[in-house]
C-alpha atoms as a PDB file:
ATOM      1  CA  MET A   1     -33.155  23.775  -0.568  1.00  0.00           C
ATOM      2  CA  VAL A   2     -31.262  23.656   2.781  1.00  0.00           C
ATOM      3  CA  GLU A   3     -28.048  25.833   2.362  1.00  0.00           C
ATOM      4  CA  GLU A   4     -25.906  28.523   4.134  1.00  0.00           C
ATOM      5  CA  ASN A   5     -26.695  26.975   7.789  1.00  0.00           C
ATOM      6  CA  SER A   6     -24.291  26.171  10.297  1.00  0.00           C
ATOM      7  CA  PHE A   7     -24.430  23.549  13.125  1.00  0.00           C
ATOM      8  CA  ASN A   8     -22.481  23.194  15.955  1.00  0.00           C
ATOM      9  CA  LYS A   9     -23.111  19.175  16.142  1.00  0.00           C
ATOM     10  CA  GLU A  10     -23.838  16.602  14.205  1.00  0.00           C
ATOM     11  CA  LEU A  11     -27.227  15.585  13.235  1.00  0.00           C
ATOM     12  CA  LEU A  12     -29.745  12.994  12.591  1.00  0.00           C
ATOM     13  CA  LEU A  13     -31.005  12.838   8.332  1.00  0.00           C
ATOM     14  CA  ARG A  14     -33.165  11.180   6.996  1.00  0.00           C
ATOM     15  CA  ILE A  15     -34.117  12.304   2.957  1.00  0.00           C
ATOM     16  CA  ASP A  16     -36.795  10.029   1.595  1.00  0.00           C
ATOM     17  CA  GLU A  17     -35.924  11.149  -1.556  1.00  0.00           C
ATOM     18  CA  PHE A  18     -33.707  12.986  -3.527  1.00  0.00           C
ATOM     19  CA  SER A  19     -34.408  14.543  -6.585  1.00  0.00           C
ATOM     20  CA  ILE A  20     -32.206  16.201  -9.167  1.00  0.00           C
ATOM     21  CA  ASN A  21     -33.916  19.943  -8.248  1.00  0.00           C
ATOM     22  CA  HIS A  22     -33.206  19.502  -4.921  1.00  0.00           C
ATOM     23  CA  THR A  23     -30.688  21.712  -3.420  1.00  0.00           C
ATOM     24  CA  TYR A  24     -28.010  20.102  -0.418  1.00  0.00           C
ATOM     25  CA  ARG A  25     -24.767  21.550  -0.233  1.00  0.00           C
ATOM     26  CA  TRP A  26     -22.520  19.413   1.355  1.00  0.00           C
ATOM     27  CA  LYS A  27     -19.910  21.927   3.303  1.00  0.00           C
ATOM     28  CA  GLN A  28     -22.834  23.115   5.276  1.00  0.00           C
ATOM     29  CA  TRP A  29     -22.655  19.395   7.375  1.00  0.00           C
ATOM     30  CA  LYS A  30     -19.713  18.002   5.671  1.00  0.00           C
ATOM     31  CA  ASN A  31     -18.481  14.971   8.736  1.00  0.00           C
ATOM     32  CA  LYS A  32     -21.781  16.221  10.873  1.00  0.00           C
ATOM     33  CA  VAL A  33     -24.578  13.659   8.968  1.00  0.00           C
ATOM     34  CA  LEU A  34     -25.231  10.947  10.751  1.00  0.00           C
ATOM     35  CA  SER A  35     -28.314   8.394  10.044  1.00  0.00           C
ATOM     36  CA  ALA A  36     -31.527   8.332  11.932  1.00  0.00           C
ATOM     37  CA  GLY A  37     -32.965   4.962  10.934  1.00  0.00           C
ATOM     38  CA  GLY A  38     -29.592   4.241  12.169  1.00  0.00           C
ATOM     39  CA  PHE A  39     -29.428   5.732  15.076  1.00  0.00           C
ATOM     40  CA  ASP A  40     -33.038   4.351  15.664  1.00  0.00           C
ATOM     41  CA  LEU A  41     -32.407   0.686  15.136  1.00  0.00           C
ATOM     42  CA  TYR A  42     -29.367   1.790  18.289  1.00  0.00           C
ATOM     43  CA  LEU A  43     -32.099   2.904  20.822  1.00  0.00           C
ATOM     44  CA  LYS A  44     -34.694  -0.285  19.752  1.00  0.00           C
ATOM     45  CA  SER A  45     -31.184  -2.421  20.811  1.00  0.00           C
ATOM     46  CA  LEU A  46     -30.920  -0.472  23.560  1.00  0.00           C
ATOM     47  CA  VAL A  47     -34.565  -1.301  25.199  1.00  0.00           C
ATOM     48  CA  ASP A  48     -34.570  -4.569  23.867  1.00  0.00           C
ATOM     49  CA  LYS A  49     -32.064  -5.194  26.225  1.00  0.00           C
ATOM     50  CA  ASP A  50     -33.117  -3.286  29.407  1.00  0.00           C
ATOM     51  CA  LYS A  51     -37.292  -3.032  29.084  1.00  0.00           C
ATOM     52  CA  SER A  52     -36.911  -0.214  32.245  1.00  0.00           C
ATOM     53  CA  LEU A  53     -35.116   2.160  29.401  1.00  0.00           C
ATOM     54  CA  ASP A  54     -37.343   4.803  27.284  1.00  0.00           C
ATOM     55  CA  TYR A  55     -36.920   5.739  24.104  1.00  0.00           C
ATOM     56  CA  TYR A  56     -37.540   9.113  24.059  1.00  0.00           C
ATOM     57  CA  ASP A  57     -35.833   9.576  27.054  1.00  0.00           C
ATOM     58  CA  LEU A  58     -32.622   8.021  25.201  1.00  0.00           C
ATOM     59  CA  TYR A  59     -33.165   9.795  21.842  1.00  0.00           C
ATOM     60  CA  TYR A  60     -32.324  12.814  24.061  1.00  0.00           C
ATOM     61  CA  THR A  61     -29.445  11.276  25.917  1.00  0.00           C
ATOM     62  CA  ASP A  62     -25.982  13.393  24.939  1.00  0.00           C
ATOM     63  CA  SER A  63     -24.137  10.059  26.301  1.00  0.00           C
ATOM     64  CA  VAL A  64     -26.243   7.342  23.927  1.00  0.00           C
ATOM     65  CA  PHE A  65     -25.582   9.946  21.017  1.00  0.00           C
ATOM     66  CA  ASP A  66     -22.382  10.452  21.436  1.00  0.00           C
ATOM     67  CA  ASN A  67     -21.603   6.480  22.050  1.00  0.00           C
ATOM     68  CA  TYR A  68     -23.729   6.036  18.066  1.00  0.00           C
ATOM     69  CA  LYS A  69     -21.440   8.634  16.687  1.00  0.00           C
ATOM     70  CA  ASN A  70     -18.087   7.103  17.591  1.00  0.00           C
ATOM     71  CA  ARG A  71     -18.145   2.981  18.201  1.00  0.00           C
ATOM     72  CA  TYR A  72     -22.059   1.959  17.123  1.00  0.00           C
ATOM     73  CA  LYS A  73     -22.630   3.473  13.993  1.00  0.00           C
ATOM     74  CA  ILE A  74     -19.200   1.595  13.328  1.00  0.00           C
ATOM     75  CA  GLU A  75     -19.762  -1.575  15.020  1.00  0.00           C
ATOM     76  CA  TYR A  76     -23.698  -2.531  14.507  1.00  0.00           C
ATOM     77  CA  GLU A  77     -23.870  -4.076  11.339  1.00  0.00           C
ATOM     78  CA  ASN A  78     -27.773  -2.677  10.541  1.00  0.00           C
ATOM     79  CA  SER A  79     -26.725   0.684  11.868  1.00  0.00           C
ATOM     80  CA  TYR A  80     -23.707   0.520   9.747  1.00  0.00           C
ATOM     81  CA  LYS A  81     -25.581  -0.372   6.299  1.00  0.00           C
ATOM     82  CA  PHE A  82     -27.798   2.749   7.599  1.00  0.00           C
ATOM     83  CA  GLU A  83     -25.007   5.259   7.634  1.00  0.00           C
ATOM     84  CA  MET A  84     -23.350   3.717   4.033  1.00  0.00           C
ATOM     85  CA  GLN A  85     -26.903   4.144   2.682  1.00  0.00           C
ATOM     86  CA  LEU A  86     -27.413   7.818   3.956  1.00  0.00           C
ATOM     87  CA  LEU A  87     -23.596   8.712   2.362  1.00  0.00           C
ATOM     88  CA  GLY A  88     -23.952   6.487  -0.710  1.00  0.00           C
ATOM     89  CA  GLN A  89     -27.729   8.342  -1.476  1.00  0.00           C
ATOM     90  CA  PHE A  90     -25.965  11.823  -1.322  1.00  0.00           C
ATOM     91  CA  TYR A  91     -22.965  10.521  -3.947  1.00  0.00           C
ATOM     92  CA  ASP A  92     -25.113   9.817  -5.976  1.00  0.00           C
ATOM     93  CA  PHE A  93     -27.357  12.915  -6.006  1.00  0.00           C
ATOM     94  CA  TYR A  94     -24.042  15.000  -6.304  1.00  0.00           C
ATOM     95  CA  LYS A  95     -23.350  12.245  -9.297  1.00  0.00           C
ATOM     96  CA  LEU A  96     -26.422  13.277 -11.265  1.00  0.00           C
ATOM     97  CA  GLN A  97     -26.173  17.025 -10.995  1.00  0.00           C
ATOM     98  CA  HIS A  98     -22.273  16.702 -12.172  1.00  0.00           C
ATOM     99  CA  ASP A  99     -20.893  18.082  -9.163  1.00  0.00           C
ATOM    100  CA  SER A 100     -17.834  16.251  -8.794  1.00  0.00           C
ATOM    101  CA  ASP A 101     -16.351  18.031  -5.985  1.00  0.00           C
ATOM    102  CA  TYR A 102     -19.233  17.293  -3.589  1.00  0.00           C
ATOM    103  CA  ALA A 103     -19.298  13.910  -4.539  1.00  0.00           C
ATOM    104  CA  ASN A 104     -15.498  13.263  -3.934  1.00  0.00           C
ATOM    105  CA  GLN A 105     -15.790  14.898  -0.268  1.00  0.00           C
ATOM    106  CA  VAL A 106     -18.940  12.474   0.239  1.00  0.00           C
ATOM    107  CA  TYR A 107     -17.010   9.821  -1.234  1.00  0.00           C
ATOM    108  CA  VAL A 108     -13.861  10.023   0.674  1.00  0.00           C
ATOM    109  CA  GLU A 109     -16.833   9.743   3.845  1.00  0.00           C
ATOM    110  CA  PHE A 110     -17.882   7.375   2.700  1.00  0.00           C
ATOM    111  CA  LYS A 111     -14.446   5.261   2.487  1.00  0.00           C
ATOM    112  CA  ASN A 112     -13.235   6.437   5.795  1.00  0.00           C
ATOM    113  CA  LEU A 113     -16.570   4.609   7.619  1.00  0.00           C
ATOM    114  CA  GLU A 114     -15.725   1.664   5.699  1.00  0.00           C
ATOM    115  CA  THR A 115     -12.306   1.682   6.430  1.00  0.00           C
ATOM    116  CA  LYS A 116     -12.995   2.097  10.645  1.00  0.00           C
ATOM    117  CA  HIS A 117     -16.024  -0.634   9.829  1.00  0.00           C
ATOM    118  CA  TYR A 118     -13.223  -3.565   8.484  1.00  0.00           C
ATOM    119  CA  ALA A 119     -10.668  -2.247  11.338  1.00  0.00           C
ATOM    120  CA  TYR A 120     -13.370  -3.585  13.978  1.00  0.00           C
ATOM    121  CA  LEU A 121     -14.235  -6.604  11.686  1.00  0.00           C
ATOM    122  CA  TYR A 122     -10.614  -7.568  11.876  1.00  0.00           C
ATOM    123  CA  LYS A 123     -10.131  -6.646  15.533  1.00  0.00           C
ATOM    124  CA  GLU A 124     -13.376  -9.059  16.236  1.00  0.00           C
ATOM    125  CA  ASN A 125     -12.381 -12.041  13.529  1.00  0.00           C
ATOM    126  CA  PRO A 126      -8.984 -11.868  11.939  1.00  0.00           C
ATOM    127  CA  THR A 127      -9.376 -12.369   8.253  1.00  0.00           C
ATOM    128  CA  PHE A 128      -7.112 -11.987   5.195  1.00  0.00           C
ATOM    129  CA  ASN A 129     -10.261 -10.690   3.239  1.00  0.00           C
ATOM    130  CA  SER A 130     -10.944  -7.775   6.559  1.00  0.00           C
ATOM    131  CA  PHE A 131      -6.839  -6.574   7.069  1.00  0.00           C
ATOM    132  CA  PHE A 132      -6.781  -6.301   3.017  1.00  0.00           C
ATOM    133  CA  THR A 133      -9.817  -4.230   2.893  1.00  0.00           C
ATOM    134  CA  TRP A 134      -8.413  -2.216   6.005  1.00  0.00           C
ATOM    135  CA  LYS A 135      -5.107  -1.550   5.026  1.00  0.00           C
ATOM    136  CA  ILE A 136      -5.673  -0.778   1.494  1.00  0.00           C
ATOM    137  CA  ASN A 137      -7.872   1.452   2.372  1.00  0.00           C
ATOM    138  CA  GLN A 138      -5.418   3.339   4.388  1.00  0.00           C
ATOM    139  CA  PHE A 139      -2.974   3.521   1.931  1.00  0.00           C
ATOM    140  CA  LEU A 140      -5.322   4.772  -0.725  1.00  0.00           C
ATOM    141  CA  LYS A 141      -6.377   7.768   1.658  1.00  0.00           C
ATOM    142  CA  ILE A 142      -3.068   8.866   2.027  1.00  0.00           C
ATOM    143  CA  PHE A 143      -1.909   7.919  -1.501  1.00  0.00           C
ATOM    144  CA  SER A 144      -4.420   9.908  -2.857  1.00  0.00           C
ATOM    145  CA  SER A 145      -7.346  10.344  -1.115  1.00  0.00           C
ATOM    146  CA  TYR A 146      -9.505   7.208  -2.328  1.00  0.00           C
ATOM    147  CA  GLY A 147      -8.857   8.183  -5.376  1.00  0.00           C
ATOM    148  CA  THR A 148     -10.246  11.456  -5.284  1.00  0.00           C
ATOM    149  CA  ASN A 149      -7.199  13.546  -5.944  1.00  0.00           C
ATOM    150  CA  PRO A 150      -4.652  12.740  -8.607  1.00  0.00           C
ATOM    151  CA  SER A 151      -2.264  15.164  -7.307  1.00  0.00           C
ATOM    152  CA  LEU A 152      -1.860  14.691  -4.266  1.00  0.00           C
ATOM    153  CA  SER A 153      -0.212  10.274  -5.769  1.00  0.00           C
ATOM    154  CA  ILE A 154       2.107  12.997  -7.067  1.00  0.00           C
ATOM    155  CA  ILE A 155       3.021  14.620  -4.152  1.00  0.00           C
ATOM    156  CA  PHE A 156       3.143  11.367  -2.081  1.00  0.00           C
ATOM    157  CA  SER A 157       5.406   9.868  -4.670  1.00  0.00           C
ATOM    158  CA  LEU A 158       7.861  12.764  -4.995  1.00  0.00           C
ATOM    159  CA  TYR A 159       8.124  12.191  -1.029  1.00  0.00           C
ATOM    160  CA  VAL A 160       8.947   8.544  -1.331  1.00  0.00           C
ATOM    161  CA  ILE A 161      11.969   9.959  -4.275  1.00  0.00           C
ATOM    162  CA  PHE A 162      13.538  11.977  -1.644  1.00  0.00           C
ATOM    163  CA  LEU A 163      13.417   9.752   0.852  1.00  0.00           C
ATOM    164  CA  PHE A 164      15.443   7.093  -0.807  1.00  0.00           C
ATOM    165  CA  ALA A 165      17.669   9.463  -2.000  1.00  0.00           C
ATOM    166  CA  PHE A 166      18.951  10.693   1.339  1.00  0.00           C
ATOM    167  CA  VAL A 167      18.952   6.894   2.396  1.00  0.00           C
ATOM    168  CA  TYR A 168      21.042   6.220  -0.830  1.00  0.00           C
ATOM    169  CA  MET A 169      23.142   9.374   0.193  1.00  0.00           C
ATOM    170  CA  LEU A 170      23.786   8.080   3.782  1.00  0.00           C
ATOM    171  CA  PHE A 171      23.809   4.038   2.817  1.00  0.00           C
ATOM    172  CA  PRO A 172      25.715   4.147  -0.529  1.00  0.00           C
ATOM    173  CA  ASN A 173      25.967   1.177  -2.708  1.00  0.00           C
ATOM    174  CA  ASN A 174      28.771  -0.689  -2.132  1.00  0.00           C
ATOM    175  CA  TRP A 175      29.024  -2.753  -5.822  1.00  0.00           C
ATOM    176  CA  GLU A 176      30.953  -6.023  -5.325  1.00  0.00           C
ATOM    177  CA  THR A 177      34.292  -6.208  -6.602  1.00  0.00           C
ATOM    178  CA  GLY A 178      33.850  -8.911  -8.818  1.00  0.00           C
ATOM    179  CA  LYS A 179      30.369  -7.645 -10.708  1.00  0.00           C
ATOM    180  CA  LYS A 180      32.474  -4.404 -11.236  1.00  0.00           C
ATOM    181  CA  ASN A 181      35.060  -6.107 -12.740  1.00  0.00           C
ATOM    182  CA  LYS A 182      33.329  -8.738 -15.136  1.00  0.00           C
ATOM    183  CA  LEU A 183      31.292  -5.564 -16.379  1.00  0.00           C
ATOM    184  CA  MET A 184      34.590  -3.648 -17.417  1.00  0.00           C
ATOM    185  CA  ASN A 185      36.147  -6.437 -19.100  1.00  0.00           C
ATOM    186  CA  ARG A 186      32.802  -6.975 -21.065  1.00  0.00           C
ATOM    187  CA  LEU A 187      33.102  -3.254 -22.220  1.00  0.00           C
ATOM    188  CA  ARG A 188      36.638  -3.943 -23.002  1.00  0.00           C
ATOM    189  CA  PHE A 189      36.000  -7.222 -25.069  1.00  0.00           C
ATOM    190  CA  PHE A 190      33.512  -5.335 -27.339  1.00  0.00           C
ATOM    191  CA  ILE A 191      35.788  -2.392 -27.615  1.00  0.00           C
ATOM    192  CA  LYS A 192      38.516  -4.534 -29.041  1.00  0.00           C
ATOM    193  CA  TYR A 193      36.334  -6.100 -31.219  1.00  0.00           C
ATOM    194  CA  PHE A 194      35.027  -2.537 -32.858  1.00  0.00           C
ATOM    195  CA  ARG A 195      38.378  -1.251 -33.122  1.00  0.00           C
ATOM    196  CA  GLN A 196      40.380  -4.499 -34.878  1.00  0.00           C
ATOM    197  CA  ASN A 197      39.841  -6.455 -37.819  1.00  0.00           C
ATOM    198  CA  LYS A 198      39.813  -9.698 -35.515  1.00  0.00           C
ATOM    199  CA  GLY A 199      36.874 -11.770 -35.504  1.00  0.00           C
ATOM    200  CA  ILE A 200      34.839 -11.944 -32.400  1.00  0.00           C
ATOM    201  CA  ARG A 201      36.063 -15.965 -32.083  1.00  0.00           C
ATOM    202  CA  GLU A 202      39.744 -14.729 -31.849  1.00  0.00           C
ATOM    203  CA  ILE A 203      39.126 -12.295 -29.769  1.00  0.00           C
ATOM    204  CA  TYR A 204      37.232 -14.330 -27.235  1.00  0.00           C
ATOM    205  CA  GLU A 205      39.905 -17.073 -27.278  1.00  0.00           C
ATOM    206  CA  GLU A 206      42.238 -14.386 -26.582  1.00  0.00           C
ATOM    207  CA  GLU A 207      40.712 -13.081 -23.374  1.00  0.00           C
ATOM    208  CA  ARG A 208      40.186 -16.752 -22.014  1.00  0.00           C
ATOM    209  CA  GLN A 209      43.816 -17.305 -22.548  1.00  0.00           C
ATOM    210  CA  HIS A 210      44.487 -14.805 -19.929  1.00  0.00           C
ATOM    211  CA  ASP A 211      42.058 -17.308 -17.337  1.00  0.00           C
ATOM    212  CA  ALA A 212      43.205 -20.645 -18.471  1.00  0.00           C
ATOM    213  CA  MET A 213      47.156 -19.630 -17.454  1.00  0.00           C
ATOM    214  CA  SER A 214      45.666 -18.370 -14.230  1.00  0.00           C
ATOM    215  CA  TYR A 215      44.160 -22.091 -13.798  1.00  0.00           C
ATOM    216  CA  THR A 216      47.353 -23.932 -14.916  1.00  0.00           C
ATOM    217  CA  GLU A 217      49.145 -21.519 -12.687  1.00  0.00           C
ATOM    218  CA  PHE A 218      47.117 -23.082  -9.752  1.00  0.00           C
ATOM    219  CA  ARG A 219      47.517 -26.323 -10.312  1.00  0.00           C
ATOM    220  CA  ASP A 220      51.814 -26.252 -10.788  1.00  0.00           C
ATOM    221  CA  TYR A 221      51.380 -24.545  -7.405  1.00  0.00           C
ATOM    222  CA  MET A 222      48.972 -27.619  -6.147  1.00  0.00           C
ATOM    223  CA  HIS A 223      51.297 -30.033  -7.412  1.00  0.00           C
ATOM    224  CA  SER A 224      54.254 -28.460  -6.100  1.00  0.00           C
ATOM    225  CA  SER A 225      52.440 -28.544  -2.295  1.00  0.00           C
ATOM    226  CA  LYS A 226      51.167 -31.973  -2.614  1.00  0.00           C
ATOM    227  CA  LYS A 227      53.805 -33.236  -0.493  1.00  0.00           C
ATOM    228  CA  GLY A 228      52.508 -31.281   2.401  1.00  0.00           C
ATOM    229  CA  SER A 229      49.089 -32.010   1.926  1.00  0.00           C
ATOM    230  CA  SER A 230      47.036 -34.699   2.608  1.00  0.00           C
ATOM    231  CA  LEU A 231      45.269 -36.786   0.389  1.00  0.00           C
ATOM    232  CA  VAL A 232      41.888 -35.343   1.274  1.00  0.00           C
ATOM    233  CA  PHE A 233      43.047 -31.880   0.459  1.00  0.00           C
ATOM    234  CA  SER A 234      44.647 -32.532  -2.388  1.00  0.00           C
ATOM    235  CA  LEU A 235      41.114 -34.580  -3.462  1.00  0.00           C
ATOM    236  CA  VAL A 236      38.815 -31.569  -2.759  1.00  0.00           C
ATOM    237  CA  ASN A 237      41.347 -29.018  -4.775  1.00  0.00           C
ATOM    238  CA  LYS A 238      41.971 -31.473  -7.728  1.00  0.00           C
ATOM    239  CA  THR A 239      37.811 -31.479  -7.728  1.00  0.00           C
ATOM    240  CA  HIS A 240      37.399 -27.837  -7.204  1.00  0.00           C
ATOM    241  CA  LEU A 241      39.642 -27.160 -10.043  1.00  0.00           C
ATOM    242  CA  LEU A 242      38.112 -29.333 -12.477  1.00  0.00           C
ATOM    243  CA  PHE A 243      34.706 -27.267 -11.413  1.00  0.00           C
ATOM    244  CA  LEU A 244      36.590 -23.709 -12.315  1.00  0.00           C
ATOM    245  CA  ILE A 245      37.806 -25.998 -15.747  1.00  0.00           C
ATOM    246  CA  VAL A 246      34.081 -26.397 -16.622  1.00  0.00           C
ATOM    247  CA  GLN A 247      32.971 -23.115 -15.575  1.00  0.00           C
ATOM    248  CA  LEU A 248      35.574 -21.830 -18.306  1.00  0.00           C
END
């Protein structure tokens, strides 16, 4: 049973076997747990690079410990695996005890470490997979604390709605006149259909007469101004008129 402790700094921890009868209160070492196995690998790598270094002197050197805590546990693959393994053991342990509160807290820490690791991988060797995992983790952290806090997603969605409402207030949508008139004409057509005893074909032909008249007037105008236009311009106008009639 380990509970009601107060740790001023991060601690190295190794638990060989978890049992459902054990008691570990996560709040006492939240964000302060480091893997003793991962730190051990870090020290051995330093000694292997420089034989003049002493393992035990390094073990009690604050700068070495801080370097592992802030950087090495994220960048060095084997130490990173040890850190993920320790957090994963705690997560499984709390799930086994049906303690969803502590399990979610451990899971958030687990995913935070994963996000930092993928950010480092993308920095060293940019790939789509590392970039996508890094960014989607960042989004899930903000949106719902990696799925552990559904209420946060509702709050986030409300913020998005208010933000776009504010933007829309500053920059209102300017609906195109053509689309607006088209919708109004369509509504007028259906209202006329339901109010009169005419068939839908008759009403449709009646509505299209106005368009045909406008095209006829345009054709007559072009004929009247033919003398003042060049041959090329006249051909272009006739082609454009034919295209409009086809659309009709």
